[in-house]
């Protein structure tokens, strides 16, 4: 069963899939809020983290295995899709 973390963005609440990056999403949200980011922008960043987490799950990449090279591989795949 896929766990979900609830993320409050202003008055609306969106769900962010757990995945390998779930332990970091709450802290990221708090850092972005504390830095003055608006709720819509925060939600966009958290959606991108969720996409990265899905990509990591498909390739069985743990958060501890995430390197600059892996991130470049992820970003290259996004650019090919667009």
C-alpha atoms as a PDB file:
ATOM      1  CA  UNK A   1       0.000   0.000   0.000  1.00  0.00           C
ATOM      2  CA  UNK A   2       1.410   3.365  -1.004  1.00  0.00           C
ATOM      3  CA  UNK A   3       1.641   5.774   1.901  1.00  0.00           C
ATOM      4  CA  UNK A   4       0.745   9.395   1.382  1.00  0.00           C
ATOM      5  CA  UNK A   5       1.889  12.504   3.205  1.00  0.00           C
ATOM      6  CA  UNK A   6      -0.548  15.363   3.518  1.00  0.00           C
ATOM      7  CA  UNK A   7       0.900  18.709   2.558  1.00  0.00           C
ATOM      8  CA  UNK A   8      -0.901  21.916   3.438  1.00  0.00           C
ATOM      9  CA  UNK A   9      -0.472  24.661   0.864  1.00  0.00           C
ATOM     10  CA  UNK A  10      -2.360  27.720   2.054  1.00  0.00           C
ATOM     11  CA  UNK A  11      -6.015  26.846   2.439  1.00  0.00           C
ATOM     12  CA  UNK A  12      -5.882  23.852   0.093  1.00  0.00           C
ATOM     13  CA  UNK A  13      -4.425  20.467   0.925  1.00  0.00           C
ATOM     14  CA  UNK A  14      -2.706  18.280  -1.639  1.00  0.00           C
ATOM     15  CA  UNK A  15      -1.368  14.751  -1.310  1.00  0.00           C
ATOM     16  CA  UNK A  16       2.232  13.914  -2.059  1.00  0.00           C
ATOM     17  CA  UNK A  17       3.132  10.246  -2.580  1.00  0.00           C
ATOM     18  CA  UNK A  18       5.499   8.785  -0.045  1.00  0.00           C
ATOM     19  CA  UNK A  19       8.220   7.029  -2.043  1.00  0.00           C
ATOM     20  CA  UNK A  20      11.886   7.186  -1.129  1.00  0.00           C
ATOM     21  CA  UNK A  21      11.810  10.969  -0.628  1.00  0.00           C
ATOM     22  CA  UNK A  22       8.798  11.064   1.708  1.00  0.00           C
ATOM     23  CA  UNK A  23      10.908  11.609   4.834  1.00  0.00           C
ATOM     24  CA  UNK A  24      12.147  14.873   3.305  1.00  0.00           C
ATOM     25  CA  UNK A  25       8.936  16.422   1.944  1.00  0.00           C
ATOM     26  CA  UNK A  26       7.664  17.891   5.217  1.00  0.00           C
ATOM     27  CA  UNK A  27      11.009  19.517   5.981  1.00  0.00           C
ATOM     28  CA  UNK A  28      11.265  20.849   2.431  1.00  0.00           C
ATOM     29  CA  UNK A  29       7.795  22.357   2.706  1.00  0.00           C
ATOM     30  CA  UNK A  30       8.716  24.046   5.986  1.00  0.00           C
ATOM     31  CA  UNK A  31      11.973  25.416   4.573  1.00  0.00           C
ATOM     32  CA  UNK A  32      10.182  26.801   1.513  1.00  0.00           C
ATOM     33  CA  UNK A  33       7.455  28.366   3.681  1.00  0.00           C
ATOM     34  CA  UNK A  34      10.084  29.876   5.965  1.00  0.00           C
ATOM     35  CA  UNK A  35      11.872  31.296   2.929  1.00  0.00           C
ATOM     36  CA  UNK A  36       8.722  33.119   1.872  1.00  0.00           C
ATOM     37  CA  UNK A  37       7.640  30.927  -1.042  1.00  0.00           C
ATOM     38  CA  UNK A  38       3.967  31.170  -1.931  1.00  0.00           C
ATOM     39  CA  UNK A  39       1.723  28.084  -1.517  1.00  0.00           C
ATOM     40  CA  UNK A  40       1.341  27.540  -5.286  1.00  0.00           C
ATOM     41  CA  UNK A  41       5.126  27.549  -5.759  1.00  0.00           C
ATOM     42  CA  UNK A  42       5.617  25.181  -2.828  1.00  0.00           C
ATOM     43  CA  UNK A  43       3.062  22.782  -4.295  1.00  0.00           C
ATOM     44  CA  UNK A  44       4.953  22.815  -7.608  1.00  0.00           C
ATOM     45  CA  UNK A  45       8.238  21.970  -5.927  1.00  0.00           C
ATOM     46  CA  UNK A  46       6.617  19.151  -3.956  1.00  0.00           C
ATOM     47  CA  UNK A  47       5.066  17.732  -7.148  1.00  0.00           C
ATOM     48  CA  UNK A  48       8.531  17.674  -8.700  1.00  0.00           C
ATOM     49  CA  UNK A  49       9.874  15.830  -5.643  1.00  0.00           C
ATOM     50  CA  UNK A  50       7.044  13.323  -6.069  1.00  0.00           C
ATOM     51  CA  UNK A  51       7.951  12.817  -9.749  1.00  0.00           C
ATOM     52  CA  UNK A  52      11.574  12.270  -8.795  1.00  0.00           C
ATOM     53  CA  UNK A  53      10.473   9.792  -6.119  1.00  0.00           C
ATOM     54  CA  UNK A  54       8.420   7.829  -8.663  1.00  0.00           C
ATOM     55  CA  UNK A  55      11.385   7.783 -11.043  1.00  0.00           C
ATOM     56  CA  UNK A  56      13.585   6.532  -8.193  1.00  0.00           C
ATOM     57  CA  UNK A  57      11.103   3.779  -7.281  1.00  0.00           C
ATOM     58  CA  UNK A  58      10.954   2.582 -10.905  1.00  0.00           C
ATOM     59  CA  UNK A  59      14.751   2.271 -10.930  1.00  0.00           C
ATOM     60  CA  UNK A  60      15.024   1.041  -7.321  1.00  0.00           C
ATOM     61  CA  UNK A  61      17.196   4.022  -6.348  1.00  0.00           C
ATOM     62  CA  UNK A  62      17.320   4.785  -2.640  1.00  0.00           C
ATOM     63  CA  UNK A  63      17.568   8.347  -1.342  1.00  0.00           C
ATOM     64  CA  UNK A  64      21.064   7.513  -0.096  1.00  0.00           C
ATOM     65  CA  UNK A  65      22.011   6.501  -3.671  1.00  0.00           C
ATOM     66  CA  UNK A  66      20.878   9.791  -5.210  1.00  0.00           C
ATOM     67  CA  UNK A  67      23.914  11.448  -6.794  1.00  0.00           C
ATOM     68  CA  UNK A  68      24.464  14.336  -9.200  1.00  0.00           C
ATOM     69  CA  UNK A  69      24.831  11.760 -11.960  1.00  0.00           C
ATOM     70  CA  UNK A  70      21.461  10.186 -11.090  1.00  0.00           C
ATOM     71  CA  UNK A  71      19.830  13.618 -10.988  1.00  0.00           C
ATOM     72  CA  UNK A  72      21.317  14.414 -14.408  1.00  0.00           C
ATOM     73  CA  UNK A  73      19.876  11.133 -15.709  1.00  0.00           C
ATOM     74  CA  UNK A  74      16.460  12.074 -14.307  1.00  0.00           C
ATOM     75  CA  UNK A  75      16.600  15.585 -15.772  1.00  0.00           C
ATOM     76  CA  UNK A  76      17.707  14.270 -19.171  1.00  0.00           C
ATOM     77  CA  UNK A  77      14.660  12.003 -19.232  1.00  0.00           C
ATOM     78  CA  UNK A  78      12.360  14.939 -18.458  1.00  0.00           C
ATOM     79  CA  UNK A  79      13.840  17.019 -21.258  1.00  0.00           C
ATOM     80  CA  UNK A  80      13.271  14.203 -23.752  1.00  0.00           C
ATOM     81  CA  UNK A  81       9.583  13.962 -22.819  1.00  0.00           C
ATOM     82  CA  UNK A  82       8.864  17.684 -23.237  1.00  0.00           C
END
